[in-house]
Each structure stands twice: as C-alpha cells, then as structure tokens.
C-alpha cells in the first residue's frame, strides 16, 4: 500500500471503531518509560514504517486521577496538525492498556543534546526557540494550553527540526483554569499559587526554556521541589553576565510574575514575542516551511528504526498487552480510544 493511500487508510480508520489492534504492529524496543507505561518503537506489519507506540496502564491512570488528562491528550493530538508537533495516527485499547500510535521521531530529545553541549550558542538556542514559538502560537490559536514545555518534551526529527511531544497536560481552555501540573522548574508562579491562569503559563515556560538553553540550567532549580516553588514565588533570578542585552530584555519580559506585563499575555498576544528584537532576523514563513538549515543534524540512519539517540531501558518481559475478553473495569472511562 502506498504511503499516501496508507495515511488516508489510517485517517479513515481513526474515525471508526474498527481501527488498529496490537496485531498491526511488531514491538521492537523501549524508547522511554513513565509513571503510566512505556513508549515503544514499533513497526507496522502493513507498510514497514516505524512508529512510536505509547502505552498507558489504565489502572495506573485511574489511580493517579489522570483520566481527564489522558482523554485530553488524545483529543489534543488529534486536533493538532502542525510541522513542529508530533502526529498521532490512531489509538486503541485492550483490557489493561491504552495505546497511542505516533510518528517515530528518531533524533532523540533536545534535552540530551543540551546536556551534551552543556549550553547552546545563541544562534542555536534562537533557532529552537523560534520553532517552539510557532508550535505554541499554533496551539494557543486553537485555545490549547500546552502546560509542559521543557527540553525533554521537544524531540528532533532526522533533519534536526523540533517536534513538540507529550500532550498529557495539554488542555483546551477558553478563559482560565486552575489545575496544578507541569514540571517544577518550569511551572509559572500563578500555577504554584493556585490562582486561575491561562495561556500566560506557556510564555513563562518559554522564557525558562530559552534561559536553560543559553545557560545549561534552570533559574529556580532546587533539589527539593518545595524550595523550587518557593524560589518561583520569590521570582528572584540572577542572570549570568554573558547574556547580551537583547536576550536579557526578552527573558525579563517573559519570566515575570506580574501577568499584566508578561510578554505573550498582553494586548498583541504572541505577536509581542515574535516581534521582539531578539528574533528580528528570523524569517518566520521560511522557518514554518522548514526551509531554514538546522544547526544540528542527528547522526542517524533514516528509515531503519535507528534508536542510537535514545537511552536503553530494561525491557519488561511480562507485558500484558493484547489481553481481551476478561473483565475491563475501566473501559467505559476511555470510550474514545
């Protein structure tokens, strides 16, 4: 089946109940693990293409009160179609697990590249920041708050362009919301203080991301999460003296506690960020069409399921995948899967 036919076939299938099953894939190895399950490299037995298969244990999702987040993640990923956002092809479930089939992005996490580099040169940080900006702006235009921006959730494709992944905390919000979620170092003060918040939280995290890319560390970090939250609420940042004035200006306008003066949250919305002096040489249309050379091309062989950019994880010998026909107490909570 040709690729174009396959994508039509898959898109059609995601709208029906007779979609994928586990038998459509060969599971190859683990790419990552989390509190609810694993992400596997999987190969389609129909077209030989490689996919990332995210698996979530229903029981864990329910026990950790993540049912709404999980259903939101599926819905947001289905909605989002953007060059810098991971694509979800379909979902299915068995008695114990939920499965999400997504593009396999073989270049690994931006986090790993940042750790290897310690910190990025200014043009490199600006390139990644600009691509992330376009993804966030797109989500906000759909009234989606991403809420978990950090280098671990930014993947690099084979050419070195970014893909935003992990929509477990993404939420469609027309006005404001209250939920405390995200990663301590990146959480905005209004979230920590359990105040109502909106898209403003993503612009705060965007500032933290740029800070971390340029310095190699996050500004409020403490080994104790409670102390990190305290630092965020105090809002005092020491900026290293090697950061030039235009970057300082941008960061001080993004990582600002006062919502009425935070860039991205003002009258002109995301345009204020886009038009900031630091981004002045970015040609946004070319960037969106992926027509700008990337600063780094991952050293991978494309199309063979190369996993050299991912850490090795011990494989679980007792995967309970594909079990059906037994009691499924949670199936009714995930009817869209």
C-alpha atoms as a PDB file:
ATOM      1  CA  UNK A   1       0.000   0.000   0.000  1.00  0.00           C
ATOM      2  CA  UNK A   2       1.484   3.375  -0.913  1.00  0.00           C
ATOM      3  CA  UNK A   3       2.213   5.907   1.837  1.00  0.00           C
ATOM      4  CA  UNK A   4      -0.470   8.334   0.657  1.00  0.00           C
ATOM      5  CA  UNK A   5      -3.035   5.563   0.499  1.00  0.00           C
ATOM      6  CA  UNK A   6      -1.919   4.385   3.913  1.00  0.00           C
ATOM      7  CA  UNK A   7      -2.336   7.798   5.511  1.00  0.00           C
ATOM      8  CA  UNK A   8      -5.834   8.009   4.036  1.00  0.00           C
ATOM      9  CA  UNK A   9      -6.481   4.488   5.300  1.00  0.00           C
ATOM     10  CA  UNK A  10      -5.216   5.414   8.777  1.00  0.00           C
ATOM     11  CA  UNK A  11      -7.091   8.724   8.963  1.00  0.00           C
ATOM     12  CA  UNK A  12     -10.287   6.985   7.913  1.00  0.00           C
ATOM     13  CA  UNK A  13      -9.648   4.268  10.465  1.00  0.00           C
ATOM     14  CA  UNK A  14      -9.213   6.659  13.378  1.00  0.00           C
ATOM     15  CA  UNK A  15     -12.779   7.832  12.845  1.00  0.00           C
ATOM     16  CA  UNK A  16     -14.217   4.330  13.083  1.00  0.00           C
ATOM     17  CA  UNK A  17     -14.214   1.717  15.785  1.00  0.00           C
ATOM     18  CA  UNK A  18     -12.607  -0.923  13.566  1.00  0.00           C
ATOM     19  CA  UNK A  19      -9.176   0.682  13.804  1.00  0.00           C
ATOM     20  CA  UNK A  20      -5.788  -0.706  14.770  1.00  0.00           C
ATOM     21  CA  UNK A  21      -5.080  -3.589  17.028  1.00  0.00           C
ATOM     22  CA  UNK A  22      -1.832  -4.828  18.508  1.00  0.00           C
ATOM     23  CA  UNK A  23      -1.617  -7.339  15.642  1.00  0.00           C
ATOM     24  CA  UNK A  24      -0.912  -4.486  13.227  1.00  0.00           C
ATOM     25  CA  UNK A  25       2.468  -3.851  14.861  1.00  0.00           C
ATOM     26  CA  UNK A  26       5.680  -5.544  15.804  1.00  0.00           C
ATOM     27  CA  UNK A  27       7.043  -4.107  19.072  1.00  0.00           C
ATOM     28  CA  UNK A  28      10.820  -3.688  18.837  1.00  0.00           C
ATOM     29  CA  UNK A  29      12.247  -1.920  21.896  1.00  0.00           C
ATOM     30  CA  UNK A  30      11.503   0.581  24.659  1.00  0.00           C
ATOM     31  CA  UNK A  31      12.283   4.232  23.887  1.00  0.00           C
ATOM     32  CA  UNK A  32      11.169   5.633  27.239  1.00  0.00           C
ATOM     33  CA  UNK A  33       9.333   4.825  30.443  1.00  0.00           C
ATOM     34  CA  UNK A  34       6.991   6.897  32.623  1.00  0.00           C
ATOM     35  CA  UNK A  35       4.628   6.620  35.573  1.00  0.00           C
ATOM     36  CA  UNK A  36       1.836   5.138  33.457  1.00  0.00           C
ATOM     37  CA  UNK A  37       3.609   2.919  30.969  1.00  0.00           C
ATOM     38  CA  UNK A  38       6.161   2.922  28.175  1.00  0.00           C
ATOM     39  CA  UNK A  39       6.897   4.251  24.744  1.00  0.00           C
ATOM     40  CA  UNK A  40       7.996   1.527  22.318  1.00  0.00           C
ATOM     41  CA  UNK A  41       9.479   1.593  18.881  1.00  0.00           C
ATOM     42  CA  UNK A  42       7.022  -0.377  16.749  1.00  0.00           C
ATOM     43  CA  UNK A  43       6.913  -1.336  13.101  1.00  0.00           C
ATOM     44  CA  UNK A  44       3.741  -1.563  11.061  1.00  0.00           C
ATOM     45  CA  UNK A  45       3.378  -5.032   9.587  1.00  0.00           C
ATOM     46  CA  UNK A  46       1.424  -3.432   6.702  1.00  0.00           C
ATOM     47  CA  UNK A  47       3.809  -0.786   5.404  1.00  0.00           C
ATOM     48  CA  UNK A  48       7.058  -1.478   7.287  1.00  0.00           C
ATOM     49  CA  UNK A  49       7.157   2.066   8.677  1.00  0.00           C
ATOM     50  CA  UNK A  50       8.337   2.798  12.204  1.00  0.00           C
ATOM     51  CA  UNK A  51       6.082   4.382  14.798  1.00  0.00           C
ATOM     52  CA  UNK A  52       6.275   5.331  18.468  1.00  0.00           C
ATOM     53  CA  UNK A  53       3.696   3.339  20.410  1.00  0.00           C
ATOM     54  CA  UNK A  54       2.798   4.998  23.705  1.00  0.00           C
ATOM     55  CA  UNK A  55       1.196   2.618  26.176  1.00  0.00           C
ATOM     56  CA  UNK A  56      -0.619   3.610  29.361  1.00  0.00           C
ATOM     57  CA  UNK A  57      -1.797   1.244  32.082  1.00  0.00           C
ATOM     58  CA  UNK A  58      -5.483   2.006  32.660  1.00  0.00           C
ATOM     59  CA  UNK A  59      -5.372   1.077  36.314  1.00  0.00           C
ATOM     60  CA  UNK A  60      -2.468   3.471  36.976  1.00  0.00           C
ATOM     61  CA  UNK A  61      -4.112   6.272  35.012  1.00  0.00           C
ATOM     62  CA  UNK A  62      -7.283   5.849  37.088  1.00  0.00           C
ATOM     63  CA  UNK A  63      -5.479   5.512  40.444  1.00  0.00           C
ATOM     64  CA  UNK A  64      -3.438   8.641  39.798  1.00  0.00           C
ATOM     65  CA  UNK A  65      -6.569  10.558  38.729  1.00  0.00           C
ATOM     66  CA  UNK A  66      -5.290  11.170  35.211  1.00  0.00           C
ATOM     67  CA  UNK A  67      -8.361  10.009  33.253  1.00  0.00           C
ATOM     68  CA  UNK A  68      -9.280  13.510  32.125  1.00  0.00           C
ATOM     69  CA  UNK A  69      -5.671  14.373  31.209  1.00  0.00           C
ATOM     70  CA  UNK A  70      -5.359  11.156  29.203  1.00  0.00           C
ATOM     71  CA  UNK A  71      -8.569  11.724  27.260  1.00  0.00           C
ATOM     72  CA  UNK A  72      -7.496  15.355  26.730  1.00  0.00           C
ATOM     73  CA  UNK A  73      -4.131  14.205  25.393  1.00  0.00           C
ATOM     74  CA  UNK A  74      -5.802  12.024  22.799  1.00  0.00           C
ATOM     75  CA  UNK A  75      -8.163  14.811  21.771  1.00  0.00           C
ATOM     76  CA  UNK A  76      -5.458  17.488  21.562  1.00  0.00           C
ATOM     77  CA  UNK A  77      -3.158  15.293  19.489  1.00  0.00           C
ATOM     78  CA  UNK A  78      -5.995  14.506  17.102  1.00  0.00           C
ATOM     79  CA  UNK A  79      -6.709  18.238  16.726  1.00  0.00           C
ATOM     80  CA  UNK A  80      -3.129  19.392  16.268  1.00  0.00           C
ATOM     81  CA  UNK A  81      -1.686  19.205  12.748  1.00  0.00           C
ATOM     82  CA  UNK A  82       1.496  21.257  12.601  1.00  0.00           C
ATOM     83  CA  UNK A  83       5.045  20.762  11.257  1.00  0.00           C
ATOM     84  CA  UNK A  84       6.531  21.161  14.756  1.00  0.00           C
ATOM     85  CA  UNK A  85       4.053  18.981  16.663  1.00  0.00           C
ATOM     86  CA  UNK A  86       4.138  15.195  16.803  1.00  0.00           C
ATOM     87  CA  UNK A  87       1.471  13.487  14.729  1.00  0.00           C
ATOM     88  CA  UNK A  88      -0.835  10.871  16.182  1.00  0.00           C
ATOM     89  CA  UNK A  89      -2.137   8.290  13.715  1.00  0.00           C
ATOM     90  CA  UNK A  90      -4.597   6.439  15.900  1.00  0.00           C
ATOM     91  CA  UNK A  91      -5.405   4.837  19.240  1.00  0.00           C
ATOM     92  CA  UNK A  92      -6.787   1.568  20.553  1.00  0.00           C
ATOM     93  CA  UNK A  93      -7.112  -0.287  23.853  1.00  0.00           C
ATOM     94  CA  UNK A  94      -7.201  -3.738  25.371  1.00  0.00           C
ATOM     95  CA  UNK A  95      -8.431  -4.832  28.811  1.00  0.00           C
ATOM     96  CA  UNK A  96      -5.441  -3.379  30.656  1.00  0.00           C
ATOM     97  CA  UNK A  97      -3.827  -0.751  28.450  1.00  0.00           C
ATOM     98  CA  UNK A  98      -4.352   2.266  26.199  1.00  0.00           C
ATOM     99  CA  UNK A  99      -2.244   2.575  23.039  1.00  0.00           C
ATOM    100  CA  UNK A 100      -1.383   5.677  21.016  1.00  0.00           C
ATOM    101  CA  UNK A 101       0.352   5.344  17.664  1.00  0.00           C
ATOM    102  CA  UNK A 102       2.538   8.316  16.774  1.00  0.00           C
ATOM    103  CA  UNK A 103       5.284   9.257  14.371  1.00  0.00           C
ATOM    104  CA  UNK A 104       8.663   7.906  15.415  1.00  0.00           C
ATOM    105  CA  UNK A 105      10.962  10.931  15.740  1.00  0.00           C
ATOM    106  CA  UNK A 106      14.394   9.375  15.605  1.00  0.00           C
ATOM    107  CA  UNK A 107      16.683  12.294  16.526  1.00  0.00           C
ATOM    108  CA  UNK A 108      16.110  11.995  20.277  1.00  0.00           C
ATOM    109  CA  UNK A 109      15.309  14.670  22.862  1.00  0.00           C
ATOM    110  CA  UNK A 110      16.539  18.247  22.760  1.00  0.00           C
ATOM    111  CA  UNK A 111      17.307  17.605  26.438  1.00  0.00           C
ATOM    112  CA  UNK A 112      20.018  15.038  25.543  1.00  0.00           C
ATOM    113  CA  UNK A 113      21.611  17.396  23.021  1.00  0.00           C
ATOM    114  CA  UNK A 114      21.586  20.237  25.566  1.00  0.00           C
ATOM    115  CA  UNK A 115      23.220  18.047  28.218  1.00  0.00           C
ATOM    116  CA  UNK A 116      25.934  17.012  25.734  1.00  0.00           C
ATOM    117  CA  UNK A 117      26.502  20.623  24.679  1.00  0.00           C
ATOM    118  CA  UNK A 118      26.156  21.988  28.251  1.00  0.00           C
ATOM    119  CA  UNK A 119      24.701  25.138  26.741  1.00  0.00           C
ATOM    120  CA  UNK A 120      23.799  26.240  23.234  1.00  0.00           C
ATOM    121  CA  UNK A 121      25.420  29.078  21.295  1.00  0.00           C
ATOM    122  CA  UNK A 122      22.977  31.975  20.853  1.00  0.00           C
ATOM    123  CA  UNK A 123      22.025  31.238  17.188  1.00  0.00           C
ATOM    124  CA  UNK A 124      21.303  27.579  18.062  1.00  0.00           C
ATOM    125  CA  UNK A 125      19.105  28.479  21.048  1.00  0.00           C
ATOM    126  CA  UNK A 126      17.316  31.059  18.888  1.00  0.00           C
ATOM    127  CA  UNK A 127      16.584  28.520  16.145  1.00  0.00           C
ATOM    128  CA  UNK A 128      14.985  26.036  18.561  1.00  0.00           C
ATOM    129  CA  UNK A 129      13.168  28.802  20.457  1.00  0.00           C
ATOM    130  CA  UNK A 130      11.676  30.141  17.203  1.00  0.00           C
ATOM    131  CA  UNK A 131      10.395  26.695  16.124  1.00  0.00           C
ATOM    132  CA  UNK A 132       8.952  26.099  19.614  1.00  0.00           C
ATOM    133  CA  UNK A 133       7.342  29.539  19.448  1.00  0.00           C
ATOM    134  CA  UNK A 134       5.481  28.606  16.237  1.00  0.00           C
ATOM    135  CA  UNK A 135       4.166  25.391  17.825  1.00  0.00           C
ATOM    136  CA  UNK A 136       2.963  27.215  20.967  1.00  0.00           C
ATOM    137  CA  UNK A 137       1.394  30.040  18.958  1.00  0.00           C
ATOM    138  CA  UNK A 138      -0.477  27.464  16.854  1.00  0.00           C
ATOM    139  CA  UNK A 139      -1.793  25.649  19.952  1.00  0.00           C
ATOM    140  CA  UNK A 140      -2.899  28.917  21.549  1.00  0.00           C
ATOM    141  CA  UNK A 141      -4.806  29.802  18.392  1.00  0.00           C
ATOM    142  CA  UNK A 142      -6.730  26.542  18.959  1.00  0.00           C
ATOM    143  CA  UNK A 143      -7.309  27.596  22.612  1.00  0.00           C
ATOM    144  CA  UNK A 144      -4.976  24.833  23.791  1.00  0.00           C
ATOM    145  CA  UNK A 145      -2.578  25.489  26.677  1.00  0.00           C
ATOM    146  CA  UNK A 146       0.392  23.107  26.451  1.00  0.00           C
ATOM    147  CA  UNK A 147       1.479  23.354  30.136  1.00  0.00           C
ATOM    148  CA  UNK A 148       4.550  21.114  29.990  1.00  0.00           C
ATOM    149  CA  UNK A 149       7.176  22.910  27.941  1.00  0.00           C
ATOM    150  CA  UNK A 150      10.688  21.592  28.729  1.00  0.00           C
ATOM    151  CA  UNK A 151      13.631  20.167  26.720  1.00  0.00           C
ATOM    152  CA  UNK A 152      12.572  16.557  27.475  1.00  0.00           C
ATOM    153  CA  UNK A 153       9.314  17.147  25.562  1.00  0.00           C
ATOM    154  CA  UNK A 154      11.000  18.517  22.456  1.00  0.00           C
ATOM    155  CA  UNK A 155      12.172  15.860  20.016  1.00  0.00           C
ATOM    156  CA  UNK A 156      14.419  16.367  16.992  1.00  0.00           C
ATOM    157  CA  UNK A 157      13.474  14.800  13.681  1.00  0.00           C
ATOM    158  CA  UNK A 158      16.003  13.295  11.277  1.00  0.00           C
ATOM    159  CA  UNK A 159      16.807  16.725   9.821  1.00  0.00           C
ATOM    160  CA  UNK A 160      17.082  18.443  13.196  1.00  0.00           C
ATOM    161  CA  UNK A 161      13.717  20.249  13.278  1.00  0.00           C
ATOM    162  CA  UNK A 162      11.723  20.143  16.501  1.00  0.00           C
ATOM    163  CA  UNK A 163       8.589  18.175  17.321  1.00  0.00           C
ATOM    164  CA  UNK A 164       6.658  19.006  20.454  1.00  0.00           C
ATOM    165  CA  UNK A 165       5.560  15.763  22.104  1.00  0.00           C
ATOM    166  CA  UNK A 166       3.749  14.556  25.260  1.00  0.00           C
ATOM    167  CA  UNK A 167       0.386  16.263  25.440  1.00  0.00           C
ATOM    168  CA  UNK A 168      -0.535  14.686  28.791  1.00  0.00           C
ATOM    169  CA  UNK A 169      -1.021  18.118  30.380  1.00  0.00           C
ATOM    170  CA  UNK A 170      -2.419  19.977  27.347  1.00  0.00           C
ATOM    171  CA  UNK A 171      -5.874  21.410  27.877  1.00  0.00           C
ATOM    172  CA  UNK A 172      -8.425  23.295  25.847  1.00  0.00           C
ATOM    173  CA  UNK A 173      -9.161  26.442  27.836  1.00  0.00           C
ATOM    174  CA  UNK A 174     -11.351  29.267  26.606  1.00  0.00           C
ATOM    175  CA  UNK A 175     -10.847  31.520  29.650  1.00  0.00           C
ATOM    176  CA  UNK A 176      -8.976  30.242  32.740  1.00  0.00           C
ATOM    177  CA  UNK A 177      -8.158  27.003  34.563  1.00  0.00           C
ATOM    178  CA  UNK A 178      -6.722  26.086  37.995  1.00  0.00           C
ATOM    179  CA  UNK A 179      -5.032  22.658  37.830  1.00  0.00           C
ATOM    180  CA  UNK A 180      -1.526  22.344  39.271  1.00  0.00           C
ATOM    181  CA  UNK A 181       0.507  20.464  36.701  1.00  0.00           C
ATOM    182  CA  UNK A 182       3.800  20.658  34.871  1.00  0.00           C
ATOM    183  CA  UNK A 183       7.441  20.173  35.865  1.00  0.00           C
ATOM    184  CA  UNK A 184       8.591  22.094  38.991  1.00  0.00           C
ATOM    185  CA  UNK A 185      11.442  24.077  37.350  1.00  0.00           C
ATOM    186  CA  UNK A 186       9.133  25.266  34.570  1.00  0.00           C
ATOM    187  CA  UNK A 187       5.876  25.991  36.434  1.00  0.00           C
ATOM    188  CA  UNK A 188       4.620  29.581  36.380  1.00  0.00           C
ATOM    189  CA  UNK A 189       4.041  31.379  39.722  1.00  0.00           C
ATOM    190  CA  UNK A 190       0.292  31.739  39.125  1.00  0.00           C
ATOM    191  CA  UNK A 191       0.045  27.920  38.886  1.00  0.00           C
ATOM    192  CA  UNK A 192       2.113  27.402  42.047  1.00  0.00           C
ATOM    193  CA  UNK A 193      -0.113  29.914  43.866  1.00  0.00           C
ATOM    194  CA  UNK A 194      -3.224  28.017  42.623  1.00  0.00           C
ATOM    195  CA  UNK A 195      -4.590  31.158  41.008  1.00  0.00           C
ATOM    196  CA  UNK A 196      -6.701  30.985  37.853  1.00  0.00           C
ATOM    197  CA  UNK A 197      -4.404  31.026  34.820  1.00  0.00           C
ATOM    198  CA  UNK A 198      -4.475  30.895  31.046  1.00  0.00           C
ATOM    199  CA  UNK A 199      -2.033  30.800  28.108  1.00  0.00           C
ATOM    200  CA  UNK A 200       0.295  33.050  30.116  1.00  0.00           C
ATOM    201  CA  UNK A 201       1.832  29.928  31.714  1.00  0.00           C
ATOM    202  CA  UNK A 202       3.288  28.746  28.402  1.00  0.00           C
ATOM    203  CA  UNK A 203       5.068  32.096  27.884  1.00  0.00           C
ATOM    204  CA  UNK A 204       6.642  31.840  31.334  1.00  0.00           C
ATOM    205  CA  UNK A 205       7.869  28.303  30.496  1.00  0.00           C
ATOM    206  CA  UNK A 206       9.073  29.557  27.117  1.00  0.00           C
ATOM    207  CA  UNK A 207      11.281  32.074  28.955  1.00  0.00           C
ATOM    208  CA  UNK A 208      12.615  29.319  31.255  1.00  0.00           C
ATOM    209  CA  UNK A 209      13.347  27.140  28.180  1.00  0.00           C
ATOM    210  CA  UNK A 210      15.373  29.912  26.495  1.00  0.00           C
ATOM    211  CA  UNK A 211      17.211  30.559  29.790  1.00  0.00           C
ATOM    212  CA  UNK A 212      18.083  26.860  30.128  1.00  0.00           C
ATOM    213  CA  UNK A 213      19.216  26.528  26.500  1.00  0.00           C
ATOM    214  CA  UNK A 214      21.568  29.519  26.917  1.00  0.00           C
ATOM    215  CA  UNK A 215      22.920  28.710  30.396  1.00  0.00           C
ATOM    216  CA  UNK A 216      22.580  24.940  30.833  1.00  0.00           C
ATOM    217  CA  UNK A 217      20.480  25.238  34.000  1.00  0.00           C
ATOM    218  CA  UNK A 218      17.044  26.493  35.083  1.00  0.00           C
ATOM    219  CA  UNK A 219      16.848  29.711  37.130  1.00  0.00           C
ATOM    220  CA  UNK A 220      14.777  28.475  40.099  1.00  0.00           C
ATOM    221  CA  UNK A 221      16.139  24.941  40.481  1.00  0.00           C
ATOM    222  CA  UNK A 222      16.493  23.352  43.885  1.00  0.00           C
ATOM    223  CA  UNK A 223      16.794  19.589  44.637  1.00  0.00           C
ATOM    224  CA  UNK A 224      13.668  19.971  46.816  1.00  0.00           C
ATOM    225  CA  UNK A 225      10.565  20.734  44.704  1.00  0.00           C
ATOM    226  CA  UNK A 226       9.018  22.778  47.556  1.00  0.00           C
ATOM    227  CA  UNK A 227      12.099  25.016  47.606  1.00  0.00           C
ATOM    228  CA  UNK A 228      11.881  25.334  43.806  1.00  0.00           C
ATOM    229  CA  UNK A 229       8.267  26.515  44.189  1.00  0.00           C
ATOM    230  CA  UNK A 230       9.403  28.993  46.855  1.00  0.00           C
ATOM    231  CA  UNK A 231      12.076  30.350  44.515  1.00  0.00           C
ATOM    232  CA  UNK A 232       9.483  30.706  41.731  1.00  0.00           C
ATOM    233  CA  UNK A 233       7.146  32.653  44.012  1.00  0.00           C
ATOM    234  CA  UNK A 234      10.028  34.883  45.158  1.00  0.00           C
ATOM    235  CA  UNK A 235      10.858  35.368  41.494  1.00  0.00           C
ATOM    236  CA  UNK A 236      14.463  36.453  42.010  1.00  0.00           C
ATOM    237  CA  UNK A 237      16.761  35.491  39.141  1.00  0.00           C
ATOM    238  CA  UNK A 238      20.475  36.021  38.821  1.00  0.00           C
ATOM    239  CA  UNK A 239      21.267  36.357  35.144  1.00  0.00           C
ATOM    240  CA  UNK A 240      24.778  35.342  34.070  1.00  0.00           C
ATOM    241  CA  UNK A 241      26.792  38.289  32.773  1.00  0.00           C
ATOM    242  CA  UNK A 242      27.483  36.624  29.405  1.00  0.00           C
ATOM    243  CA  UNK A 243      23.868  37.100  28.259  1.00  0.00           C
ATOM    244  CA  UNK A 244      23.634  40.067  25.844  1.00  0.00           C
ATOM    245  CA  UNK A 245      21.113  42.911  26.451  1.00  0.00           C
ATOM    246  CA  UNK A 246      18.501  41.816  23.861  1.00  0.00           C
ATOM    247  CA  UNK A 247      18.242  38.348  25.414  1.00  0.00           C
ATOM    248  CA  UNK A 248      18.110  39.800  28.920  1.00  0.00           C
ATOM    249  CA  UNK A 249      15.299  42.079  27.830  1.00  0.00           C
ATOM    250  CA  UNK A 250      13.282  39.183  26.358  1.00  0.00           C
ATOM    251  CA  UNK A 251      13.819  36.928  29.390  1.00  0.00           C
ATOM    252  CA  UNK A 252      12.917  39.665  31.866  1.00  0.00           C
ATOM    253  CA  UNK A 253       9.680  40.261  29.963  1.00  0.00           C
ATOM    254  CA  UNK A 254       8.772  36.535  29.820  1.00  0.00           C
ATOM    255  CA  UNK A 255       9.897  35.339  33.266  1.00  0.00           C
ATOM    256  CA  UNK A 256       7.907  37.988  35.064  1.00  0.00           C
ATOM    257  CA  UNK A 257       5.464  37.293  37.888  1.00  0.00           C
ATOM    258  CA  UNK A 258       3.114  40.131  37.022  1.00  0.00           C
ATOM    259  CA  UNK A 259       0.727  38.776  34.379  1.00  0.00           C
ATOM    260  CA  UNK A 260      -0.175  42.266  33.192  1.00  0.00           C
ATOM    261  CA  UNK A 261       3.371  42.806  31.996  1.00  0.00           C
ATOM    262  CA  UNK A 262       4.317  39.309  30.746  1.00  0.00           C
ATOM    263  CA  UNK A 263       5.124  39.204  27.041  1.00  0.00           C
ATOM    264  CA  UNK A 264       2.706  36.958  25.120  1.00  0.00           C
ATOM    265  CA  UNK A 265      -0.053  37.794  27.618  1.00  0.00           C
ATOM    266  CA  UNK A 266      -0.558  41.416  26.572  1.00  0.00           C
ATOM    267  CA  UNK A 267      -2.902  43.015  24.058  1.00  0.00           C
ATOM    268  CA  UNK A 268      -0.944  41.863  20.988  1.00  0.00           C
ATOM    269  CA  UNK A 269      -0.635  38.301  22.281  1.00  0.00           C
ATOM    270  CA  UNK A 270       2.088  36.178  20.704  1.00  0.00           C
ATOM    271  CA  UNK A 271       2.991  38.943  18.215  1.00  0.00           C
ATOM    272  CA  UNK A 272       4.822  40.759  21.028  1.00  0.00           C
ATOM    273  CA  UNK A 273       7.114  37.742  21.412  1.00  0.00           C
ATOM    274  CA  UNK A 274       7.531  37.257  17.663  1.00  0.00           C
ATOM    275  CA  UNK A 275       8.386  40.913  17.099  1.00  0.00           C
ATOM    276  CA  UNK A 276      10.886  41.134  19.934  1.00  0.00           C
ATOM    277  CA  UNK A 277      14.324  42.452  18.980  1.00  0.00           C
ATOM    278  CA  UNK A 278      15.994  39.077  19.735  1.00  0.00           C
ATOM    279  CA  UNK A 279      14.007  37.370  16.950  1.00  0.00           C
ATOM    280  CA  UNK A 280      14.442  40.221  14.450  1.00  0.00           C
ATOM    281  CA  UNK A 281      16.402  38.232  11.843  1.00  0.00           C
ATOM    282  CA  UNK A 282      14.058  35.214  11.914  1.00  0.00           C
ATOM    283  CA  UNK A 283      12.166  34.776   8.638  1.00  0.00           C
ATOM    284  CA  UNK A 284       9.063  33.177  10.129  1.00  0.00           C
ATOM    285  CA  UNK A 285       7.466  31.983   6.860  1.00  0.00           C
ATOM    286  CA  UNK A 286      10.640  30.148   5.837  1.00  0.00           C
ATOM    287  CA  UNK A 287      11.005  28.685   9.303  1.00  0.00           C
ATOM    288  CA  UNK A 288       7.435  27.353   9.243  1.00  0.00           C
ATOM    289  CA  UNK A 289       8.014  25.696   5.868  1.00  0.00           C
ATOM    290  CA  UNK A 290      11.187  24.088   7.338  1.00  0.00           C
ATOM    291  CA  UNK A 291      13.203  25.939   4.740  1.00  0.00           C
ATOM    292  CA  UNK A 292      15.957  27.097   7.119  1.00  0.00           C
ATOM    293  CA  UNK A 293      19.045  24.990   7.705  1.00  0.00           C
ATOM    294  CA  UNK A 294      19.030  23.340  11.118  1.00  0.00           C
ATOM    295  CA  UNK A 295      22.018  23.911  13.426  1.00  0.00           C
ATOM    296  CA  UNK A 296      22.414  20.200  14.109  1.00  0.00           C
ATOM    297  CA  UNK A 297      21.532  17.091  12.173  1.00  0.00           C
ATOM    298  CA  UNK A 298      21.198  13.991  14.368  1.00  0.00           C
ATOM    299  CA  UNK A 299      23.787  11.324  13.423  1.00  0.00           C
ATOM    300  CA  UNK A 300      21.252   8.663  12.440  1.00  0.00           C
ATOM    301  CA  UNK A 301      20.454   6.408   9.526  1.00  0.00           C
ATOM    302  CA  UNK A 302      16.957   7.243   8.408  1.00  0.00           C
ATOM    303  CA  UNK A 303      14.215   4.716   7.734  1.00  0.00           C
ATOM    304  CA  UNK A 304      15.708   1.714   9.551  1.00  0.00           C
ATOM    305  CA  UNK A 305      14.314   2.401  13.022  1.00  0.00           C
ATOM    306  CA  UNK A 306      17.667   3.770  14.243  1.00  0.00           C
ATOM    307  CA  UNK A 307      17.447   4.180  18.044  1.00  0.00           C
ATOM    308  CA  UNK A 308      21.011   5.333  18.709  1.00  0.00           C
ATOM    309  CA  UNK A 309      19.793   8.707  20.060  1.00  0.00           C
ATOM    310  CA  UNK A 310      17.635   7.121  22.767  1.00  0.00           C
ATOM    311  CA  UNK A 311      18.738   5.706  26.114  1.00  0.00           C
ATOM    312  CA  UNK A 312      18.489   1.962  26.670  1.00  0.00           C
ATOM    313  CA  UNK A 313      15.841   0.759  29.096  1.00  0.00           C
ATOM    314  CA  UNK A 314      15.455  -2.707  30.583  1.00  0.00           C
ATOM    315  CA  UNK A 315      12.724  -4.457  28.616  1.00  0.00           C
ATOM    316  CA  UNK A 316       9.692  -5.698  30.523  1.00  0.00           C
ATOM    317  CA  UNK A 317       9.432  -9.442  29.950  1.00  0.00           C
ATOM    318  CA  UNK A 318       5.821  -9.580  31.178  1.00  0.00           C
ATOM    319  CA  UNK A 319       3.959  -7.112  29.006  1.00  0.00           C
ATOM    320  CA  UNK A 320       0.235  -7.651  29.488  1.00  0.00           C
ATOM    321  CA  UNK A 321      -0.609  -6.285  26.026  1.00  0.00           C
ATOM    322  CA  UNK A 322      -3.385  -7.573  23.834  1.00  0.00           C
ATOM    323  CA  UNK A 323      -5.475  -9.262  26.506  1.00  0.00           C
ATOM    324  CA  UNK A 324      -9.167  -9.087  25.693  1.00  0.00           C
ATOM    325  CA  UNK A 325     -12.327 -10.824  26.803  1.00  0.00           C
ATOM    326  CA  UNK A 326     -11.534 -10.534  30.511  1.00  0.00           C
ATOM    327  CA  UNK A 327     -13.092  -8.097  32.941  1.00  0.00           C
ATOM    328  CA  UNK A 328     -12.250  -4.482  31.996  1.00  0.00           C
ATOM    329  CA  UNK A 329     -13.496  -2.238  34.813  1.00  0.00           C
ATOM    330  CA  UNK A 330     -12.081   0.934  33.211  1.00  0.00           C
ATOM    331  CA  UNK A 331     -13.046   0.595  29.536  1.00  0.00           C
ATOM    332  CA  UNK A 332     -16.031   2.908  29.909  1.00  0.00           C
ATOM    333  CA  UNK A 333     -13.709   5.742  31.004  1.00  0.00           C
ATOM    334  CA  UNK A 334     -11.811   5.716  27.712  1.00  0.00           C
ATOM    335  CA  UNK A 335     -14.543   5.233  25.093  1.00  0.00           C
ATOM    336  CA  UNK A 336     -12.712   7.395  22.501  1.00  0.00           C
ATOM    337  CA  UNK A 337      -9.622   5.167  22.462  1.00  0.00           C
END
